[in-house]
Amino acid sequence: MPISTKTFNDQAIRGISRLTEQANAYQEQIASGKKDLRPSQDPVAAARLSAIKEMEADVSRFTDNMGSAKTRLGLSDTVLESVQNILIRANELAIQAANDTNMPADRLAIRAEIVQLRDSLIGLANTTDDRGQALFGGYMTRETPFVTNANGAVSYAGDTGQTTVLASDDLALPTAVNGADAFMRIETDEGPVSVFDIFNGLAASLETAGDSATALTMTGGRVRIDVSAERAPQLHEFTISGPLGSARISSELVAGSPDALVAAINAVSAATGLSAVAETNGSGVFVTAQAGGEIGFGNYQIAGERTAASPIGKGMTITPINDQNAASGASRMLVDSDQVISASIEKLWSGIEHIGLQRARVGAYFNAADIQSEALNRKDLLVAETRSGIEDADMAEVISKLQSLLVNRDAAQQVFAKLSQQSLFDFLR
């Protein structure tokens, strides 16, 4: 079929245009260093690149999470270290205050510093991170976790949740410890107490140190016991000694009802040489020693009392009396063993050890986040290398193809220019 001059010209021009477009594409690859990975050009490579980009986004997100976790954990450790230092300082002050050479004014001065340390402790427990989220509030990150009540007691307004972040599609790592575990559950012989209660108890024991005792001995052979107890039965335990020896008393006492205490003392009369009778129309208990011997009391414990209190609400007032049941000397207050300074010292040591364990937990979480960060860095490098292999152009190959194409295009242009100038007369010659 004959081909017209116009059709020939159009086909030649389109061919040269395609060569020019291909040359431009090669020049863009040389300029950017990247292959042409449009789905229309290389659908397989385009699909692989899309998957790699999604993987890069995941790695970037997980890496950011690990950075956030390490920031919170690092701040948590710093705060807990400061808390531990405060406990150590309080312990030093308590040991100093326990010295019998201190006057009441000296202990009150120490108490003032203890109160300041407690307030600093509350501030540390309410620390927030760089986004304003509470470190020790559990899941309640937008609330102030530790609140001081009107009576000076500190309550926890957070929860026991543990904040986490995703370190991978199937791994979540903690970013802190909750305030209940960190500050409210310090194990002692009497059960768990909060670090704030320990400080409040120490302040109370410093205030009441001269008004009470956990052990005392009365001479004269007769004493009166007045118990300060609750209206509900509460277990009271103490060691009582007389001319024959000592015995452990354990009895549930109720305010205004001395019968249970009388029965408990008389139950060990053969071991102690002591006898007791209840006051007629009263709540007191009269204790008499055989042959007028000494009467001793010690190691007094009241169930549920875990720290010192001020003013002292529960205890036994011991008064020496004569045969007419009249006071023959000064009364002394026998108090729970937790009321004295030495008990607070023991609890402070428990607090120091407890905070040390919390720091160890935080350190373990930080190490896990650090290990995961290193793994993500290695994965990021591998993904980058894979992406580079997919989209980076082979410059030597592209330049070679471009040069070859330009030669072909130039030759085609020259041929077209020469042929387009010829006419029918040129063929008739």
Protein backbone atom coordinates (compact mmCIF):
# COMPACT_ATOMS: atom_id res chain seq x y z
CA MET A 1 0.00 0.00 0.00
CA PRO A 2 1.47 3.37 -0.94
CA ILE A 3 2.41 5.67 1.93
CA SER A 4 1.82 9.38 1.54
CA THR A 5 4.48 11.93 2.34
CA LYS A 6 2.39 13.30 5.23
CA THR A 7 2.01 9.91 6.87
CA PHE A 8 5.72 9.23 6.52
CA ASN A 9 6.55 12.58 8.07
CA ASP A 10 4.17 12.02 11.00
CA GLN A 11 5.62 8.60 11.73
CA ALA A 12 9.18 9.91 11.58
CA ILE A 13 8.38 12.82 13.89
CA ARG A 14 6.65 10.54 16.42
CA GLY A 15 9.64 8.20 16.42
CA ILE A 16 12.04 11.07 17.03
CA SER A 17 9.76 12.38 19.81
CA ARG A 18 9.78 8.99 21.53
CA LEU A 19 13.56 8.95 21.40
CA THR A 20 13.63 12.45 22.85
CA GLU A 21 11.25 11.46 25.69
CA GLN A 22 13.39 8.43 26.48
CA ALA A 23 16.49 10.62 26.47
CA ASN A 24 14.81 13.04 28.87
CA ALA A 25 13.87 10.11 31.14
CA TYR A 26 17.50 8.94 31.20
CA GLN A 27 18.67 12.49 31.95
CA GLU A 28 16.21 12.69 34.88
CA GLN A 29 17.56 9.40 36.24
CA ILE A 30 21.11 10.78 35.97
CA ALA A 31 20.07 13.98 37.76
CA SER A 32 18.14 12.23 40.57
CA GLY A 33 20.13 9.03 40.75
CA LYS A 34 16.82 7.12 40.82
CA LYS A 35 15.20 4.70 38.40
CA ASP A 36 11.85 5.43 36.79
CA LEU A 37 9.68 3.17 38.95
CA ARG A 38 6.27 4.31 37.85
CA PRO A 39 3.83 1.38 37.70
CA SER A 40 3.53 1.96 33.96
CA GLN A 41 7.28 1.50 33.54
CA ASP A 42 8.11 -1.25 36.09
CA PRO A 43 5.05 -2.56 38.00
CA VAL A 44 6.98 -5.24 39.92
CA ALA A 45 9.63 -2.82 41.17
CA ALA A 46 6.95 -0.22 41.97
CA ALA A 47 5.10 -2.76 44.15
CA ARG A 48 8.30 -3.73 45.96
CA LEU A 49 9.16 -0.07 46.57
CA SER A 50 5.70 0.57 48.01
CA ALA A 51 6.14 -2.32 50.46
CA ILE A 52 9.59 -1.04 51.45
CA LYS A 53 8.21 2.45 52.09
CA GLU A 54 5.56 0.99 54.41
CA MET A 55 8.27 -0.91 56.26
CA GLU A 56 10.33 2.28 56.56
CA ALA A 57 7.32 4.08 58.07
CA ASP A 58 6.86 1.30 60.62
CA VAL A 59 10.54 1.33 61.59
CA SER A 60 10.43 5.13 61.95
CA ARG A 61 7.31 4.93 64.14
CA PHE A 62 8.77 2.21 66.36
CA THR A 63 12.08 4.10 66.61
CA ASP A 64 10.21 7.22 67.75
CA ASN A 65 8.37 5.09 70.32
CA MET A 66 11.64 3.77 71.69
CA GLY A 67 12.99 7.30 71.92
CA SER A 68 9.91 8.35 73.88
CA ALA A 69 10.13 5.29 76.14
CA LYS A 70 13.81 5.86 76.89
CA THR A 71 13.12 9.51 77.68
CA ARG A 72 10.38 8.61 80.19
CA LEU A 73 12.39 5.77 81.70
CA GLY A 74 15.49 7.93 82.02
CA LEU A 75 13.46 10.63 83.75
CA SER A 76 11.84 8.02 86.01
CA ASP A 77 15.23 6.74 87.11
CA THR A 78 16.42 10.29 87.82
CA VAL A 79 13.32 10.97 89.93
CA LEU A 80 13.64 7.69 91.83
CA GLU A 81 17.30 8.41 92.49
CA SER A 82 16.30 11.74 94.05
CA VAL A 83 13.63 9.96 96.11
CA GLN A 84 16.22 7.49 97.33
CA ASN A 85 18.54 10.33 98.31
CA ILE A 86 15.71 11.97 100.28
CA LEU A 87 15.09 8.70 102.13
CA ILE A 88 18.78 8.40 102.94
CA ARG A 89 18.82 11.96 104.28
CA ALA A 90 15.71 11.29 106.37
CA ASN A 91 17.33 8.15 107.76
CA GLU A 92 20.40 10.16 108.79
CA LEU A 93 18.18 12.69 110.55
CA ALA A 94 16.19 9.94 112.28
CA ILE A 95 19.35 8.32 113.61
CA GLN A 96 20.49 11.71 114.85
CA ALA A 97 17.14 12.35 116.53
CA ALA A 98 17.12 8.95 118.24
CA ASN A 99 20.11 10.02 120.33
CA ASP A 100 18.96 10.55 123.94
CA THR A 101 21.08 13.67 124.23
CA ASN A 102 18.61 15.57 122.01
CA MET A 103 16.24 18.00 123.66
CA PRO A 104 12.60 18.32 122.50
CA ALA A 105 13.52 21.53 120.66
CA ASP A 106 16.24 19.65 118.76
CA ARG A 107 13.79 16.99 117.64
CA LEU A 108 11.28 19.60 116.55
CA ALA A 109 13.97 21.26 114.42
CA ILE A 110 14.70 17.90 112.81
CA ARG A 111 10.96 17.37 112.34
CA ALA A 112 10.76 20.62 110.36
CA GLU A 113 13.34 19.31 107.89
CA ILE A 114 11.53 15.96 107.68
CA VAL A 115 8.33 17.79 106.70
CA GLN A 116 10.23 19.71 104.00
CA LEU A 117 11.69 16.47 102.67
CA ARG A 118 8.22 14.92 102.57
CA ASP A 119 6.91 17.88 100.54
CA SER A 120 9.83 17.50 98.12
CA LEU A 121 8.99 13.81 97.89
CA ILE A 122 5.40 14.61 96.89
CA GLY A 123 6.66 16.99 94.21
CA LEU A 124 8.96 14.32 92.78
CA ALA A 125 6.16 11.73 92.78
CA ASN A 126 4.03 14.15 90.72
CA THR A 127 6.74 14.68 88.07
CA THR A 128 5.53 14.95 84.47
CA ASP A 129 7.38 14.17 81.24
CA ASP A 130 8.10 16.52 78.31
CA ARG A 131 4.49 16.12 77.11
CA GLY A 132 2.98 16.98 80.48
CA GLN A 133 2.00 13.38 81.29
CA ALA A 134 2.39 12.10 84.86
CA LEU A 135 5.25 9.63 85.19
CA PHE A 136 3.76 7.70 88.09
CA GLY A 137 0.01 7.93 87.49
CA GLY A 138 -0.45 4.60 85.72
CA TYR A 139 -2.94 5.12 82.91
CA MET A 140 -4.15 8.36 84.56
CA THR A 141 -1.43 10.39 82.89
CA ARG A 142 -3.44 13.62 82.71
CA GLU A 143 -4.20 13.79 86.45
CA THR A 144 -2.04 14.71 89.44
CA PRO A 145 -1.44 11.26 90.96
CA PHE A 146 -0.57 12.17 94.56
CA VAL A 147 -2.86 14.46 96.53
CA THR A 148 -2.34 15.77 100.07
CA ASN A 149 -5.47 15.66 102.21
CA ALA A 150 -6.44 18.23 104.83
CA ASN A 151 -4.97 16.06 107.61
CA GLY A 152 -1.61 15.82 105.84
CA ALA A 153 -2.10 12.26 104.57
CA VAL A 154 -1.16 11.59 100.95
CA SER A 155 -3.53 9.56 98.76
CA TYR A 156 -2.96 8.08 95.33
CA ALA A 157 -5.36 9.26 92.63
CA GLY A 158 -3.81 7.23 89.82
CA ASP A 159 -4.29 3.56 89.00
CA THR A 160 -2.18 0.42 88.81
CA GLY A 161 -1.90 0.44 85.02
CA GLN A 162 1.47 0.43 83.29
CA THR A 163 1.95 2.67 80.27
CA THR A 164 3.56 0.98 77.26
CA VAL A 165 4.55 1.74 73.69
CA LEU A 166 4.82 -0.55 70.66
CA ALA A 167 8.36 -1.61 69.90
CA SER A 168 7.23 -3.80 67.00
CA ASP A 169 3.98 -5.18 65.63
CA ASP A 170 3.78 -7.73 68.46
CA LEU A 171 5.97 -6.30 71.25
CA ALA A 172 5.02 -3.59 73.77
CA LEU A 173 7.55 -2.20 76.26
CA PRO A 174 6.78 -0.38 79.55
CA THR A 175 7.64 3.29 79.80
CA ALA A 176 7.39 3.72 83.61
CA VAL A 177 6.30 2.12 86.89
CA ASN A 178 2.97 3.14 88.39
CA GLY A 179 2.80 5.20 91.56
CA ALA A 180 1.05 2.50 93.60
CA ASP A 181 3.99 0.12 93.12
CA ALA A 182 6.63 2.80 93.43
CA PHE A 183 5.45 4.73 96.50
CA MET A 184 2.40 3.15 98.16
CA ARG A 185 3.41 -0.47 98.81
CA ILE A 186 6.57 -0.58 100.89
CA GLU A 187 6.61 -3.88 102.74
CA THR A 188 7.13 -3.75 106.52
CA ASP A 189 6.61 -6.22 109.36
CA GLU A 190 3.15 -4.71 109.94
CA GLY A 191 2.18 -4.80 106.27
CA PRO A 192 2.54 -2.43 103.29
CA VAL A 193 2.78 1.31 103.96
CA SER A 194 3.38 4.29 101.70
CA VAL A 195 6.62 6.23 101.68
CA PHE A 196 4.58 9.31 102.66
CA ASP A 197 3.14 7.53 105.71
CA ILE A 198 6.68 6.67 106.75
CA PHE A 199 7.61 10.36 106.66
CA ASN A 200 4.42 11.38 108.47
CA GLY A 201 5.08 8.69 111.07
CA LEU A 202 8.63 9.87 111.59
CA ALA A 203 7.41 13.45 112.01
CA ALA A 204 4.87 12.23 114.57
CA SER A 205 7.42 10.19 116.52
CA LEU A 206 9.74 13.20 116.67
CA GLU A 207 6.88 15.27 118.06
CA THR A 208 5.83 12.74 120.72
CA ALA A 209 9.22 11.23 121.63
CA GLY A 210 9.23 12.67 125.16
CA ASP A 211 5.66 11.72 126.02
CA SER A 212 5.66 7.97 125.61
CA ALA A 213 7.58 4.73 125.92
CA THR A 214 7.37 1.23 124.49
CA ALA A 215 8.75 -0.37 127.64
CA LEU A 216 8.59 0.70 131.29
CA THR A 217 8.87 -0.70 134.79
CA MET A 218 6.86 0.45 137.81
CA THR A 219 7.90 -0.10 141.43
CA GLY A 220 5.63 -0.31 144.45
CA GLY A 221 3.77 -3.47 143.53
CA ARG A 222 0.52 -1.88 142.27
CA VAL A 223 -0.44 -0.04 139.05
CA ARG A 224 -3.54 1.15 137.30
CA ILE A 225 -3.93 0.56 133.56
CA ASP A 226 -6.16 2.78 131.44
CA VAL A 227 -6.47 1.64 127.83
CA SER A 228 -7.16 4.04 124.97
CA ALA A 229 -8.90 1.80 122.45
CA GLU A 230 -11.50 1.93 119.71
CA ARG A 231 -15.17 1.04 120.05
CA ALA A 232 -14.65 -1.91 117.73
CA PRO A 233 -12.57 -4.84 119.04
CA GLN A 234 -8.89 -4.42 118.22
CA LEU A 235 -6.04 -6.77 119.08
CA HIS A 236 -3.57 -5.47 121.66
CA GLU A 237 -0.42 -7.41 122.48
CA PHE A 238 2.30 -6.73 125.04
CA THR A 239 4.71 -8.47 127.35
CA ILE A 240 3.98 -8.16 131.07
CA SER A 241 6.43 -9.18 133.81
CA GLY A 242 6.16 -9.62 137.54
CA PRO A 243 7.98 -11.28 140.46
CA LEU A 244 7.75 -14.78 138.95
CA GLY A 245 8.57 -13.99 135.33
CA SER A 246 7.03 -12.65 132.15
CA ALA A 247 4.33 -13.64 129.67
CA ARG A 248 2.88 -12.40 126.41
CA ILE A 249 -0.60 -10.92 126.64
CA SER A 250 -2.85 -10.97 123.57
CA SER A 251 -6.38 -9.66 123.84
CA GLU A 252 -9.00 -7.89 121.76
CA LEU A 253 -9.85 -4.73 123.68
CA VAL A 254 -12.79 -2.34 123.37
CA ALA A 255 -12.99 1.21 124.68
CA GLY A 256 -14.58 1.35 128.15
CA SER A 257 -14.57 -2.43 128.69
CA PRO A 258 -11.68 -3.70 130.88
CA ASP A 259 -12.91 -7.27 131.38
CA ALA A 260 -10.98 -8.79 128.47
CA LEU A 261 -7.69 -7.30 129.73
CA VAL A 262 -8.37 -8.49 133.31
CA ALA A 263 -9.01 -12.02 132.05
CA ALA A 264 -5.85 -12.03 129.90
CA ILE A 265 -3.60 -10.90 132.79
CA ASN A 266 -5.10 -13.35 135.26
CA ALA A 267 -4.70 -16.17 132.71
CA VAL A 268 -0.90 -15.90 133.06
CA SER A 269 -0.84 -15.11 136.78
CA ALA A 270 0.99 -18.34 137.61
CA ALA A 271 3.81 -17.35 135.26
CA THR A 272 4.09 -13.71 136.30
CA GLY A 273 2.94 -13.45 139.91
CA LEU A 274 0.49 -10.70 138.91
CA SER A 275 -3.26 -10.46 139.44
CA ALA A 276 -5.76 -8.01 138.00
CA VAL A 277 -9.21 -6.67 138.90
CA ALA A 278 -11.47 -4.28 137.03
CA GLU A 279 -12.30 -0.89 138.46
CA THR A 280 -15.78 -0.76 139.92
CA ASN A 281 -17.99 1.48 137.79
CA GLY A 282 -14.96 2.45 135.68
CA SER A 283 -12.73 1.37 132.83
CA GLY A 284 -9.42 1.02 134.69
CA VAL A 285 -7.61 -2.19 135.56
CA PHE A 286 -5.74 -2.60 138.87
CA VAL A 287 -2.72 -4.92 138.74
CA THR A 288 -1.01 -6.19 141.91
CA ALA A 289 2.33 -7.97 142.19
CA GLN A 290 3.00 -10.62 144.79
CA ALA A 291 5.15 -9.34 147.67
CA GLY A 292 5.11 -5.86 146.20
CA GLY A 293 7.48 -6.65 143.37
CA GLU A 294 8.07 -4.64 140.21
CA ILE A 295 5.63 -4.66 137.33
CA GLY A 296 7.04 -4.34 133.82
CA PHE A 297 5.55 -3.76 130.38
CA GLY A 298 7.18 -4.01 126.95
CA ASN A 299 6.91 -4.69 123.21
CA TYR A 300 3.43 -3.23 122.96
CA GLN A 301 1.74 -3.70 119.60
CA ILE A 302 -1.71 -2.69 118.38
CA ALA A 303 -3.06 -4.42 115.30
CA GLY A 304 -3.42 -2.12 112.30
CA GLU A 305 -1.09 0.55 113.66
CA ARG A 306 1.76 0.72 111.14
CA THR A 307 3.27 4.15 111.79
CA ALA A 308 3.44 6.70 114.58
CA ALA A 309 0.62 9.16 115.16
CA SER A 310 0.41 12.63 116.64
CA PRO A 311 -1.36 13.18 118.91
CA ILE A 312 -1.15 9.64 120.25
CA GLY A 313 -4.60 8.13 119.97
CA LYS A 314 -4.13 4.60 121.28
CA GLY A 315 -2.09 3.12 124.07
CA MET A 316 -2.01 2.34 127.76
CA THR A 317 -1.57 4.85 130.54
CA ILE A 318 0.27 3.20 133.45
CA THR A 319 -0.02 4.88 136.86
CA PRO A 320 1.63 3.65 140.08
CA ILE A 321 -0.98 3.48 142.90
CA ASN A 322 -1.12 2.80 146.63
CA ASP A 323 -3.38 0.48 148.59
CA GLN A 324 -6.20 3.01 148.40
CA ASN A 325 -5.91 3.02 144.57
CA ALA A 326 -4.68 6.60 144.58
CA ALA A 327 -1.82 7.66 142.32
CA SER A 328 1.55 7.39 144.02
CA GLY A 329 3.70 8.64 141.15
CA ALA A 330 3.71 10.08 137.65
CA SER A 331 1.75 8.32 134.92
CA ARG A 332 3.53 7.03 131.84
CA MET A 333 2.12 6.32 128.39
CA LEU A 334 2.87 2.89 126.93
CA VAL A 335 2.57 3.09 123.14
CA ASP A 336 2.70 0.87 120.11
CA SER A 337 6.26 -0.05 119.11
CA ASP A 338 5.79 1.82 115.83
CA GLN A 339 5.44 5.09 117.73
CA VAL A 340 9.14 5.38 118.51
CA ILE A 341 11.85 6.84 116.27
CA SER A 342 13.71 3.54 115.93
CA ALA A 343 10.65 1.99 114.24
CA SER A 344 10.66 4.80 111.66
CA ILE A 345 14.36 4.14 111.02
CA GLU A 346 13.57 0.52 110.16
CA LYS A 347 10.80 1.60 107.80
CA LEU A 348 13.07 4.15 106.13
CA TRP A 349 15.55 1.37 105.39
CA SER A 350 12.70 -0.67 103.92
CA GLY A 351 11.80 2.37 101.80
CA ILE A 352 15.39 2.78 100.57
CA GLU A 353 15.52 -0.88 99.54
CA HIS A 354 12.07 -0.66 97.92
CA ILE A 355 12.98 2.37 95.80
CA GLY A 356 16.19 0.60 94.84
CA LEU A 357 14.11 -2.29 93.50
CA GLN A 358 11.92 0.13 91.55
CA ARG A 359 15.04 1.67 90.01
CA ALA A 360 16.16 -1.82 89.04
CA ARG A 361 12.81 -2.38 87.28
CA VAL A 362 13.13 0.91 85.43
CA GLY A 363 16.70 0.02 84.47
CA ALA A 364 15.56 -3.34 83.09
CA TYR A 365 12.86 -1.61 81.01
CA PHE A 366 15.41 0.93 79.74
CA ASN A 367 17.84 -1.83 78.74
CA ALA A 368 15.04 -3.61 76.85
CA ALA A 369 14.19 -0.38 75.03
CA ASP A 370 17.87 0.19 74.24
CA ILE A 371 18.24 -3.31 72.80
CA GLN A 372 15.12 -2.81 70.71
CA SER A 373 16.45 0.55 69.48
CA GLU A 374 19.63 -1.13 68.27
CA ALA A 375 17.58 -3.82 66.51
CA LEU A 376 15.47 -1.13 64.83
CA ASN A 377 18.59 0.73 63.72
CA ARG A 378 19.91 -2.43 62.09
CA LYS A 379 16.56 -3.06 60.44
CA ASP A 380 16.44 0.54 59.22
CA LEU A 381 19.88 0.12 57.62
CA LEU A 382 18.78 -3.12 55.94
CA VAL A 383 15.58 -1.52 54.63
CA ALA A 384 17.56 1.46 53.31
CA GLU A 385 19.95 -0.87 51.50
CA THR A 386 17.03 -2.81 50.02
CA ARG A 387 15.32 0.37 48.88
CA SER A 388 18.54 1.61 47.38
CA GLY A 389 18.88 -1.63 45.42
CA ILE A 390 15.36 -1.19 44.04
CA GLU A 391 15.27 2.51 43.15
CA ASP A 392 18.88 3.64 42.72
CA ALA A 393 19.92 3.87 39.09
CA ASP A 394 23.07 2.24 37.68
CA MET A 395 24.71 5.44 36.46
CA ALA A 396 27.17 3.77 34.11
CA GLU A 397 24.39 1.79 32.45
CA VAL A 398 22.05 4.80 32.18
CA ILE A 399 24.76 7.04 30.72
CA SER A 400 25.66 4.36 28.19
CA LYS A 401 22.03 3.96 27.16
CA LEU A 402 21.60 7.73 26.92
CA GLN A 403 24.64 8.13 24.70
CA SER A 404 23.47 5.33 22.41
CA LEU A 405 19.99 6.77 22.24
CA LEU A 406 21.25 10.27 21.46
CA VAL A 407 23.34 8.90 18.60
CA ASN A 408 20.31 7.05 17.20
CA ARG A 409 18.10 10.10 17.59
CA ASP A 410 20.60 12.39 15.89
CA ALA A 411 20.99 9.94 13.02
CA ALA A 412 17.21 9.66 12.63
CA GLN A 413 16.88 13.44 12.60
CA GLN A 414 19.54 13.75 9.90
CA VAL A 415 17.91 11.07 7.75
CA PHE A 416 14.49 12.64 8.18
CA ALA A 417 15.81 16.09 7.34
CA LYS A 418 17.42 14.82 4.16
CA LEU A 419 14.44 12.76 3.01
CA SER A 420 11.95 15.49 3.77
CA GLN A 421 13.73 17.86 1.31
CA GLN A 422 13.37 15.46 -1.63
CA SER A 423 10.44 15.60 -4.12
CA LEU A 424 9.12 13.52 -7.06
CA PHE A 425 11.45 15.34 -9.43
CA ASP A 426 14.43 14.02 -7.45
CA PHE A 427 13.27 10.46 -8.16
CA LEU A 428 12.68 11.23 -11.88
CA ARG A 429 16.14 12.44 -12.49
